[in-house]
Amino acid sequence: MVSTVTAVAGLVAATGYIVSAAVQVRGLQHDSQPSTKLLWGLLFPALIAHGFLNYKLIGTPEGLNLNVFLSASLVSWIMVCFVLFASLRVPVANLLVLIAPFAALTVIAELLFDSSFQPITDLSAPLIWHILLSIVAYSILFMAACQSLLLALLDNRLRSKHTYTLVRLLPPLQTMESLLFSLLQAGVTMLTLAILTGFLFLDDMFAQRVVHHTILTIASWLIYSTLLIGHHFFGWRGTVAVRWTLIAFMFLLLGYLGSKFVIEILLNN
């Protein structure tokens, strides 16, 4: 049961995310980009409130609560933080069209739902590093998936020549592809470190309840790595990059949040 303070924080965060996404969608409809000051004015208070909410719900007296809903909320918070601050230097603000609504949904979910997850009490340094690396990797690769969707949409518009508004508002195709592969490189680096720390410091990577998580994560890593190698040596890009980025992310999503949802919700009802 959440307190009034956490409920208010959640309301502030969800409202800020929804309004910021609506502002961006309206901008696309009217051939304009919302100002950076407006986005900061909407999202910075939402980020503060969301961060406070995560702090109160994840850090419990019993230990670290990273159930499926709180994990998704933490990932979304990291993504919004990254995009908002990175938008001061690189053209990534358009990702908020996809990320902000997702963040709002995770806030609502962590307020309304709970799971059978038992808080982590044995917080050794290696385990903390594994958790941090995993969450950062999922966050970056989630942003890469969103970037690939925008890239596919832009490529489709350029080919169809039906709508020019989106083409004018989004960065050039080459810039968006460059951003995609920068995100993929960073995400795969973090995922590699997360997998290595898991094998080095965890004893149950292939335990019955988590073996599917391990296998799907490794499969995702292999697809991402193959794509990066293909891009470097054979120039893979465009539709190929989009398709394999999304396939790899689906494996990762099923391996992490999907497996947590099955174990914590479906198998305990």
C-alpha atoms as a PDB file:
ATOM      1  CA  MET A   1       0.000   0.000   0.000  1.00  0.00           C
ATOM      2  CA  VAL A   2       1.578   3.274  -1.082  1.00  0.00           C
ATOM      3  CA  SER A   3       1.497   6.359   1.090  1.00  0.00           C
ATOM      4  CA  THR A   4      -0.115   9.647   0.139  1.00  0.00           C
ATOM      5  CA  VAL A   5       3.295  11.204  -0.521  1.00  0.00           C
ATOM      6  CA  THR A   6       4.342   8.469  -2.951  1.00  0.00           C
ATOM      7  CA  ALA A   7       0.921   8.563  -4.628  1.00  0.00           C
ATOM      8  CA  VAL A   8       1.265  12.325  -5.191  1.00  0.00           C
ATOM      9  CA  ALA A   9       4.797  11.840  -6.531  1.00  0.00           C
ATOM     10  CA  GLY A  10       3.507   9.215  -8.935  1.00  0.00           C
ATOM     11  CA  LEU A  11       0.698  11.500 -10.092  1.00  0.00           C
ATOM     12  CA  VAL A  12       3.145  14.357 -10.733  1.00  0.00           C
ATOM     13  CA  ALA A  13       5.501  12.068 -12.655  1.00  0.00           C
ATOM     14  CA  ALA A  14       2.828  10.392 -14.793  1.00  0.00           C
ATOM     15  CA  THR A  15       1.154  13.721 -15.588  1.00  0.00           C
ATOM     16  CA  GLY A  16       4.457  15.318 -16.604  1.00  0.00           C
ATOM     17  CA  TYR A  17       5.306  12.414 -18.901  1.00  0.00           C
ATOM     18  CA  ILE A  18       1.873  12.297 -20.530  1.00  0.00           C
ATOM     19  CA  VAL A  19       1.722  16.055 -21.103  1.00  0.00           C
ATOM     20  CA  SER A  20       5.254  16.158 -22.533  1.00  0.00           C
ATOM     21  CA  ALA A  21       4.416  13.344 -24.967  1.00  0.00           C
ATOM     22  CA  ALA A  22       1.189  15.127 -25.964  1.00  0.00           C
ATOM     23  CA  VAL A  23       3.131  18.341 -26.581  1.00  0.00           C
ATOM     24  CA  GLN A  24       5.539  16.522 -28.873  1.00  0.00           C
ATOM     25  CA  VAL A  25       2.749  14.772 -30.784  1.00  0.00           C
ATOM     26  CA  ARG A  26       0.957  18.088 -31.203  1.00  0.00           C
ATOM     27  CA  GLY A  27       4.188  19.595 -32.485  1.00  0.00           C
ATOM     28  CA  LEU A  28       4.479  16.877 -35.109  1.00  0.00           C
ATOM     29  CA  GLN A  29       0.882  17.504 -36.167  1.00  0.00           C
ATOM     30  CA  HIS A  30       1.491  21.255 -36.520  1.00  0.00           C
ATOM     31  CA  ASP A  31       4.929  21.081 -38.128  1.00  0.00           C
ATOM     32  CA  SER A  32       6.827  22.468 -35.128  1.00  0.00           C
ATOM     33  CA  GLN A  33       9.191  21.332 -32.408  1.00  0.00           C
ATOM     34  CA  PRO A  34       8.444  22.091 -28.742  1.00  0.00           C
ATOM     35  CA  SER A  35      11.075  24.318 -27.168  1.00  0.00           C
ATOM     36  CA  THR A  36      13.785  22.815 -24.997  1.00  0.00           C
ATOM     37  CA  LYS A  37      12.659  25.023 -22.101  1.00  0.00           C
ATOM     38  CA  LEU A  38       9.107  23.663 -22.346  1.00  0.00           C
ATOM     39  CA  LEU A  39      10.305  20.045 -22.343  1.00  0.00           C
ATOM     40  CA  TRP A  40      12.568  20.699 -19.367  1.00  0.00           C
ATOM     41  CA  GLY A  41       9.756  22.479 -17.547  1.00  0.00           C
ATOM     42  CA  LEU A  42       7.514  19.445 -17.994  1.00  0.00           C
ATOM     43  CA  LEU A  43      10.006  16.621 -17.585  1.00  0.00           C
ATOM     44  CA  PHE A  44      12.404  17.799 -14.901  1.00  0.00           C
ATOM     45  CA  PRO A  45       9.737  17.910 -12.133  1.00  0.00           C
ATOM     46  CA  ALA A  46       8.421  14.574 -13.422  1.00  0.00           C
ATOM     47  CA  LEU A  47      11.910  13.083 -13.187  1.00  0.00           C
ATOM     48  CA  ILE A  48      12.382  14.338  -9.635  1.00  0.00           C
ATOM     49  CA  ALA A  49       9.009  12.937  -8.580  1.00  0.00           C
ATOM     50  CA  HIS A  50       9.650   9.640 -10.397  1.00  0.00           C
ATOM     51  CA  GLY A  51      13.088   9.314  -8.820  1.00  0.00           C
ATOM     52  CA  PHE A  52      11.637   9.917  -5.361  1.00  0.00           C
ATOM     53  CA  LEU A  53       8.935   7.315  -6.025  1.00  0.00           C
ATOM     54  CA  ASN A  54      11.497   4.723  -7.096  1.00  0.00           C
ATOM     55  CA  TYR A  55      13.662   5.486  -4.082  1.00  0.00           C
ATOM     56  CA  LYS A  56      10.760   4.966  -1.685  1.00  0.00           C
ATOM     57  CA  LEU A  57       9.450   1.772  -3.293  1.00  0.00           C
ATOM     58  CA  ILE A  58      12.680   0.033  -4.341  1.00  0.00           C
ATOM     59  CA  GLY A  59      14.635   0.619  -1.147  1.00  0.00           C
ATOM     60  CA  THR A  60      12.619  -1.207   1.500  1.00  0.00           C
ATOM     61  CA  PRO A  61      13.513  -2.220   5.094  1.00  0.00           C
ATOM     62  CA  GLU A  62      13.462  -5.856   3.915  1.00  0.00           C
ATOM     63  CA  GLY A  63      15.952  -5.216   1.099  1.00  0.00           C
ATOM     64  CA  LEU A  64      16.107  -4.130  -2.537  1.00  0.00           C
ATOM     65  CA  ASN A  65      12.720  -4.582  -4.223  1.00  0.00           C
ATOM     66  CA  LEU A  66      13.229  -4.987  -7.961  1.00  0.00           C
ATOM     67  CA  ASN A  67       9.997  -6.689  -8.952  1.00  0.00           C
ATOM     68  CA  VAL A  68       8.865  -6.571 -12.566  1.00  0.00           C
ATOM     69  CA  PHE A  69       6.953  -3.290 -12.170  1.00  0.00           C
ATOM     70  CA  LEU A  70       9.671  -1.476 -10.244  1.00  0.00           C
ATOM     71  CA  SER A  71      12.356  -2.749 -12.611  1.00  0.00           C
ATOM     72  CA  ALA A  72      10.421  -1.390 -15.594  1.00  0.00           C
ATOM     73  CA  SER A  73       9.928   1.903 -13.746  1.00  0.00           C
ATOM     74  CA  LEU A  74      13.649   2.218 -12.998  1.00  0.00           C
ATOM     75  CA  VAL A  75      14.544   1.464 -16.619  1.00  0.00           C
ATOM     76  CA  SER A  76      12.088   4.107 -17.872  1.00  0.00           C
ATOM     77  CA  TRP A  77      13.455   6.679 -15.394  1.00  0.00           C
ATOM     78  CA  ILE A  78      17.015   6.101 -16.608  1.00  0.00           C
ATOM     79  CA  MET A  79      15.876   6.445 -20.234  1.00  0.00           C
ATOM     80  CA  VAL A  80      14.094   9.758 -19.664  1.00  0.00           C
ATOM     81  CA  CYS A  81      17.100  11.092 -17.725  1.00  0.00           C
ATOM     82  CA  PHE A  82      19.459  10.091 -20.504  1.00  0.00           C
ATOM     83  CA  VAL A  83      17.340  11.501 -23.326  1.00  0.00           C
ATOM     84  CA  LEU A  84      16.571  14.775 -21.548  1.00  0.00           C
ATOM     85  CA  PHE A  85      20.198  15.548 -20.697  1.00  0.00           C
ATOM     86  CA  ALA A  86      21.611  14.161 -23.950  1.00  0.00           C
ATOM     87  CA  SER A  87      19.166  16.318 -25.942  1.00  0.00           C
ATOM     88  CA  LEU A  88      21.251  19.339 -24.927  1.00  0.00           C
ATOM     89  CA  ARG A  89      24.061  18.005 -27.148  1.00  0.00           C
ATOM     90  CA  VAL A  90      22.590  15.547 -29.656  1.00  0.00           C
ATOM     91  CA  PRO A  91      19.203  15.338 -31.446  1.00  0.00           C
ATOM     92  CA  VAL A  92      17.524  12.626 -29.379  1.00  0.00           C
ATOM     93  CA  ALA A  93      14.538  14.543 -27.963  1.00  0.00           C
ATOM     94  CA  ASN A  94      12.207  12.863 -30.476  1.00  0.00           C
ATOM     95  CA  LEU A  95      12.678   9.595 -28.570  1.00  0.00           C
ATOM     96  CA  LEU A  96      10.498  11.089 -25.842  1.00  0.00           C
ATOM     97  CA  VAL A  97       7.469  10.551 -28.077  1.00  0.00           C
ATOM     98  CA  LEU A  98       7.880   6.825 -27.349  1.00  0.00           C
ATOM     99  CA  ILE A  99       9.712   6.832 -24.019  1.00  0.00           C
ATOM    100  CA  ALA A 100       7.573   9.324 -22.071  1.00  0.00           C
ATOM    101  CA  PRO A 101       4.283   7.369 -22.455  1.00  0.00           C
ATOM    102  CA  PHE A 102       6.097   4.179 -21.468  1.00  0.00           C
ATOM    103  CA  ALA A 103       7.481   5.933 -18.389  1.00  0.00           C
ATOM    104  CA  ALA A 104       3.981   7.098 -17.448  1.00  0.00           C
ATOM    105  CA  LEU A 105       2.679   3.525 -17.738  1.00  0.00           C
ATOM    106  CA  THR A 106       5.460   2.162 -15.524  1.00  0.00           C
ATOM    107  CA  VAL A 107       4.722   4.793 -12.867  1.00  0.00           C
ATOM    108  CA  ILE A 108       1.038   3.867 -12.848  1.00  0.00           C
ATOM    109  CA  ALA A 109       1.899   0.145 -12.758  1.00  0.00           C
ATOM    110  CA  GLU A 110       4.274   0.425  -9.793  1.00  0.00           C
ATOM    111  CA  LEU A 111       1.608   2.323  -7.841  1.00  0.00           C
ATOM    112  CA  LEU A 112      -1.214  -0.088  -8.590  1.00  0.00           C
ATOM    113  CA  PHE A 113       0.387  -3.539  -8.783  1.00  0.00           C
ATOM    114  CA  ASP A 114       2.644  -5.765  -6.738  1.00  0.00           C
ATOM    115  CA  SER A 115       4.242  -9.149  -7.287  1.00  0.00           C
ATOM    116  CA  SER A 116       5.604 -12.129  -5.371  1.00  0.00           C
ATOM    117  CA  PHE A 117       9.199 -10.898  -5.695  1.00  0.00           C
ATOM    118  CA  GLN A 118      11.184 -11.241  -2.487  1.00  0.00           C
ATOM    119  CA  PRO A 119      13.439  -8.234  -1.786  1.00  0.00           C
ATOM    120  CA  ILE A 120      17.157  -8.859  -2.238  1.00  0.00           C
ATOM    121  CA  THR A 121      18.853  -8.843   1.152  1.00  0.00           C
ATOM    122  CA  ASP A 122      22.368 -10.088   0.304  1.00  0.00           C
ATOM    123  CA  LEU A 123      23.629  -6.931  -1.410  1.00  0.00           C
ATOM    124  CA  SER A 124      27.263  -7.785  -2.036  1.00  0.00           C
ATOM    125  CA  ALA A 125      29.350  -5.415  -4.164  1.00  0.00           C
ATOM    126  CA  PRO A 126      29.543  -7.835  -7.155  1.00  0.00           C
ATOM    127  CA  LEU A 127      25.758  -8.302  -7.100  1.00  0.00           C
ATOM    128  CA  ILE A 128      25.192  -4.538  -6.996  1.00  0.00           C
ATOM    129  CA  TRP A 129      27.490  -4.099  -9.995  1.00  0.00           C
ATOM    130  CA  HIS A 130      25.684  -6.855 -11.898  1.00  0.00           C
ATOM    131  CA  ILE A 131      22.288  -5.263 -11.201  1.00  0.00           C
ATOM    132  CA  LEU A 132      23.463  -1.767 -12.174  1.00  0.00           C
ATOM    133  CA  LEU A 133      25.120  -2.945 -15.380  1.00  0.00           C
ATOM    134  CA  SER A 134      22.041  -4.976 -16.336  1.00  0.00           C
ATOM    135  CA  ILE A 135      19.616  -2.113 -15.776  1.00  0.00           C
ATOM    136  CA  VAL A 136      21.803   0.391 -17.652  1.00  0.00           C
ATOM    137  CA  ALA A 137      22.201  -2.079 -20.533  1.00  0.00           C
ATOM    138  CA  TYR A 138      18.435  -2.657 -20.773  1.00  0.00           C
ATOM    139  CA  SER A 139      17.816   1.103 -20.660  1.00  0.00           C
ATOM    140  CA  ILE A 140      20.270   1.919 -23.464  1.00  0.00           C
ATOM    141  CA  LEU A 141      19.109  -0.946 -25.672  1.00  0.00           C
ATOM    142  CA  PHE A 142      15.468   0.047 -25.072  1.00  0.00           C
ATOM    143  CA  MET A 143      16.380   3.524 -26.372  1.00  0.00           C
ATOM    144  CA  ALA A 144      18.090   1.900 -29.357  1.00  0.00           C
ATOM    145  CA  ALA A 145      14.868   0.003 -30.118  1.00  0.00           C
ATOM    146  CA  CYS A 146      12.879   3.262 -29.971  1.00  0.00           C
ATOM    147  CA  GLN A 147      15.463   4.941 -32.193  1.00  0.00           C
ATOM    148  CA  SER A 148      15.174   2.113 -34.713  1.00  0.00           C
ATOM    149  CA  LEU A 149      11.394   2.580 -34.843  1.00  0.00           C
ATOM    150  CA  LEU A 150      11.809   6.288 -35.577  1.00  0.00           C
ATOM    151  CA  LEU A 151      14.464   5.435 -38.159  1.00  0.00           C
ATOM    152  CA  ALA A 152      12.099   2.986 -39.855  1.00  0.00           C
ATOM    153  CA  LEU A 153       9.329   5.591 -39.865  1.00  0.00           C
ATOM    154  CA  LEU A 154      11.601   8.244 -41.365  1.00  0.00           C
ATOM    155  CA  ASP A 155      12.889   5.833 -44.007  1.00  0.00           C
ATOM    156  CA  ASN A 156       9.310   4.892 -44.919  1.00  0.00           C
ATOM    157  CA  ARG A 157       8.298   8.546 -45.277  1.00  0.00           C
ATOM    158  CA  LEU A 158      11.316   9.313 -47.446  1.00  0.00           C
ATOM    159  CA  ARG A 159      10.503   6.391 -49.725  1.00  0.00           C
ATOM    160  CA  SER A 160       6.771   7.111 -49.987  1.00  0.00           C
ATOM    161  CA  LYS A 161       7.205  10.900 -50.432  1.00  0.00           C
ATOM    162  CA  HIS A 162       3.697  11.372 -49.015  1.00  0.00           C
ATOM    163  CA  THR A 163       4.454  13.309 -45.833  1.00  0.00           C
ATOM    164  CA  TYR A 164       7.205  15.890 -45.517  1.00  0.00           C
ATOM    165  CA  THR A 165       6.447  17.234 -42.035  1.00  0.00           C
ATOM    166  CA  LEU A 166       8.075  14.342 -40.221  1.00  0.00           C
ATOM    167  CA  VAL A 167      11.076  14.502 -42.534  1.00  0.00           C
ATOM    168  CA  ARG A 168      11.638  18.163 -41.645  1.00  0.00           C
ATOM    169  CA  LEU A 169      11.234  17.646 -37.899  1.00  0.00           C
ATOM    170  CA  LEU A 170      13.410  14.566 -37.471  1.00  0.00           C
ATOM    171  CA  PRO A 171      17.199  14.689 -37.867  1.00  0.00           C
ATOM    172  CA  PRO A 172      18.702  13.547 -41.192  1.00  0.00           C
ATOM    173  CA  LEU A 173      18.606   9.818 -41.875  1.00  0.00           C
ATOM    174  CA  GLN A 174      22.395   9.482 -41.629  1.00  0.00           C
ATOM    175  CA  THR A 175      22.401  11.238 -38.239  1.00  0.00           C
ATOM    176  CA  MET A 176      19.666   8.948 -36.917  1.00  0.00           C
ATOM    177  CA  GLU A 177      21.543   5.854 -38.103  1.00  0.00           C
ATOM    178  CA  SER A 178      24.706   7.122 -36.441  1.00  0.00           C
ATOM    179  CA  LEU A 179      22.808   7.652 -33.173  1.00  0.00           C
ATOM    180  CA  LEU A 180      21.331   4.162 -33.421  1.00  0.00           C
ATOM    181  CA  PHE A 181      24.709   2.478 -33.731  1.00  0.00           C
ATOM    182  CA  SER A 182      26.179   4.650 -30.975  1.00  0.00           C
ATOM    183  CA  LEU A 183      23.390   3.454 -28.677  1.00  0.00           C
ATOM    184  CA  LEU A 184      23.900  -0.140 -29.790  1.00  0.00           C
ATOM    185  CA  GLN A 185      27.629  -0.014 -29.120  1.00  0.00           C
ATOM    186  CA  ALA A 186      27.126   1.455 -25.652  1.00  0.00           C
ATOM    187  CA  GLY A 187      24.284  -0.937 -24.847  1.00  0.00           C
ATOM    188  CA  VAL A 188      26.108  -4.055 -26.006  1.00  0.00           C
ATOM    189  CA  THR A 189      29.190  -3.021 -23.996  1.00  0.00           C
ATOM    190  CA  MET A 190      27.056  -2.735 -20.850  1.00  0.00           C
ATOM    191  CA  LEU A 191      25.245  -5.988 -21.648  1.00  0.00           C
ATOM    192  CA  THR A 192      28.556  -7.789 -22.125  1.00  0.00           C
ATOM    193  CA  LEU A 193      29.768  -6.591 -18.728  1.00  0.00           C
ATOM    194  CA  ALA A 194      26.430  -7.565 -17.144  1.00  0.00           C
ATOM    195  CA  ILE A 195      26.640 -11.096 -18.558  1.00  0.00           C
ATOM    196  CA  LEU A 196      30.278 -11.482 -17.497  1.00  0.00           C
ATOM    197  CA  THR A 197      29.596 -10.299 -13.949  1.00  0.00           C
ATOM    198  CA  GLY A 198      26.642 -12.676 -13.816  1.00  0.00           C
ATOM    199  CA  PHE A 199      28.761 -15.676 -14.727  1.00  0.00           C
ATOM    200  CA  LEU A 200      31.604 -14.602 -12.439  1.00  0.00           C
ATOM    201  CA  PHE A 201      29.661 -13.702  -9.331  1.00  0.00           C
ATOM    202  CA  LEU A 202      26.286 -15.485  -9.474  1.00  0.00           C
ATOM    203  CA  ASP A 203      25.835 -19.176  -8.781  1.00  0.00           C
ATOM    204  CA  ASP A 204      22.395 -19.691 -10.314  1.00  0.00           C
ATOM    205  CA  MET A 205      22.683 -18.387 -13.901  1.00  0.00           C
ATOM    206  CA  PHE A 206      21.378 -21.741 -15.175  1.00  0.00           C
ATOM    207  CA  ALA A 207      19.031 -22.571 -12.326  1.00  0.00           C
ATOM    208  CA  GLN A 208      15.663 -23.893 -13.484  1.00  0.00           C
ATOM    209  CA  ARG A 209      13.733 -20.698 -12.709  1.00  0.00           C
ATOM    210  CA  VAL A 210      16.170 -18.398 -14.537  1.00  0.00           C
ATOM    211  CA  VAL A 211      17.697 -20.569 -17.267  1.00  0.00           C
ATOM    212  CA  HIS A 212      15.331 -19.116 -19.898  1.00  0.00           C
ATOM    213  CA  HIS A 213      16.394 -15.606 -18.829  1.00  0.00           C
ATOM    214  CA  THR A 214      20.064 -16.513 -19.307  1.00  0.00           C
ATOM    215  CA  ILE A 215      19.527 -18.220 -22.681  1.00  0.00           C
ATOM    216  CA  LEU A 216      17.373 -15.393 -24.100  1.00  0.00           C
ATOM    217  CA  THR A 217      19.826 -12.757 -22.892  1.00  0.00           C
ATOM    218  CA  ILE A 218      22.764 -14.557 -24.507  1.00  0.00           C
ATOM    219  CA  ALA A 219      20.749 -14.977 -27.722  1.00  0.00           C
ATOM    220  CA  SER A 220      20.021 -11.241 -27.704  1.00  0.00           C
ATOM    221  CA  TRP A 221      23.718 -10.475 -27.140  1.00  0.00           C
ATOM    222  CA  LEU A 222      24.693 -12.697 -30.078  1.00  0.00           C
ATOM    223  CA  ILE A 223      22.243 -10.930 -32.413  1.00  0.00           C
ATOM    224  CA  TYR A 224      23.367  -7.472 -31.320  1.00  0.00           C
ATOM    225  CA  SER A 225      27.033  -8.437 -31.665  1.00  0.00           C
ATOM    226  CA  THR A 226      26.474  -9.931 -35.126  1.00  0.00           C
ATOM    227  CA  LEU A 227      24.731  -6.731 -36.228  1.00  0.00           C
ATOM    228  CA  LEU A 228      27.589  -4.540 -34.980  1.00  0.00           C
ATOM    229  CA  ILE A 229      30.171  -6.764 -36.682  1.00  0.00           C
ATOM    230  CA  GLY A 230      28.131  -6.735 -39.894  1.00  0.00           C
ATOM    231  CA  HIS A 231      27.824  -2.949 -39.732  1.00  0.00           C
ATOM    232  CA  HIS A 232      31.571  -2.520 -39.212  1.00  0.00           C
ATOM    233  CA  PHE A 233      32.815  -4.968 -41.847  1.00  0.00           C
ATOM    234  CA  PHE A 234      29.960  -5.168 -44.367  1.00  0.00           C
ATOM    235  CA  GLY A 235      28.169  -1.842 -43.951  1.00  0.00           C
ATOM    236  CA  TRP A 236      24.862  -3.267 -42.706  1.00  0.00           C
ATOM    237  CA  ARG A 237      22.411  -0.435 -42.110  1.00  0.00           C
ATOM    238  CA  GLY A 238      18.898   0.759 -42.886  1.00  0.00           C
ATOM    239  CA  THR A 239      16.195  -1.899 -42.845  1.00  0.00           C
ATOM    240  CA  VAL A 240      18.642  -4.637 -41.853  1.00  0.00           C
ATOM    241  CA  ALA A 241      19.771  -2.659 -38.803  1.00  0.00           C
ATOM    242  CA  VAL A 242      16.196  -1.857 -37.788  1.00  0.00           C
ATOM    243  CA  ARG A 243      14.985  -5.432 -38.167  1.00  0.00           C
ATOM    244  CA  TRP A 244      17.807  -7.051 -36.190  1.00  0.00           C
ATOM    245  CA  THR A 245      17.793  -4.360 -33.516  1.00  0.00           C
ATOM    246  CA  LEU A 246      14.115  -5.011 -32.840  1.00  0.00           C
ATOM    247  CA  ILE A 247      14.517  -8.811 -32.933  1.00  0.00           C
ATOM    248  CA  ALA A 248      17.419  -8.669 -30.482  1.00  0.00           C
ATOM    249  CA  PHE A 249      15.482  -6.348 -28.198  1.00  0.00           C
ATOM    250  CA  MET A 250      12.474  -8.667 -28.183  1.00  0.00           C
ATOM    251  CA  PHE A 251      14.731 -11.495 -26.976  1.00  0.00           C
ATOM    252  CA  LEU A 252      16.122  -9.207 -24.286  1.00  0.00           C
ATOM    253  CA  LEU A 253      12.662  -8.016 -23.261  1.00  0.00           C
ATOM    254  CA  LEU A 254      11.342 -11.569 -23.034  1.00  0.00           C
ATOM    255  CA  GLY A 255      14.427 -12.672 -21.155  1.00  0.00           C
ATOM    256  CA  TYR A 256      14.238  -9.976 -18.486  1.00  0.00           C
ATOM    257  CA  LEU A 257      10.816  -8.381 -17.964  1.00  0.00           C
ATOM    258  CA  GLY A 258       9.001 -11.252 -19.652  1.00  0.00           C
ATOM    259  CA  SER A 259      10.558 -13.916 -17.440  1.00  0.00           C
ATOM    260  CA  LYS A 260      10.093 -11.769 -14.321  1.00  0.00           C
ATOM    261  CA  PHE A 261       6.406 -11.303 -15.183  1.00  0.00           C
ATOM    262  CA  VAL A 262       5.865 -15.037 -15.667  1.00  0.00           C
ATOM    263  CA  ILE A 263       7.704 -16.016 -12.459  1.00  0.00           C
ATOM    264  CA  GLU A 264       6.349 -13.239 -10.223  1.00  0.00           C
ATOM    265  CA  ILE A 265       2.777 -12.913 -11.536  1.00  0.00           C
ATOM    266  CA  LEU A 266       1.552 -15.851 -13.627  1.00  0.00           C
ATOM    267  CA  LEU A 267       3.186 -18.691 -11.697  1.00  0.00           C
ATOM    268  CA  ASN A 268       2.050 -17.292  -8.345  1.00  0.00           C
ATOM    269  CA  ASN A 269      -1.656 -16.835  -9.141  1.00  0.00           C
END
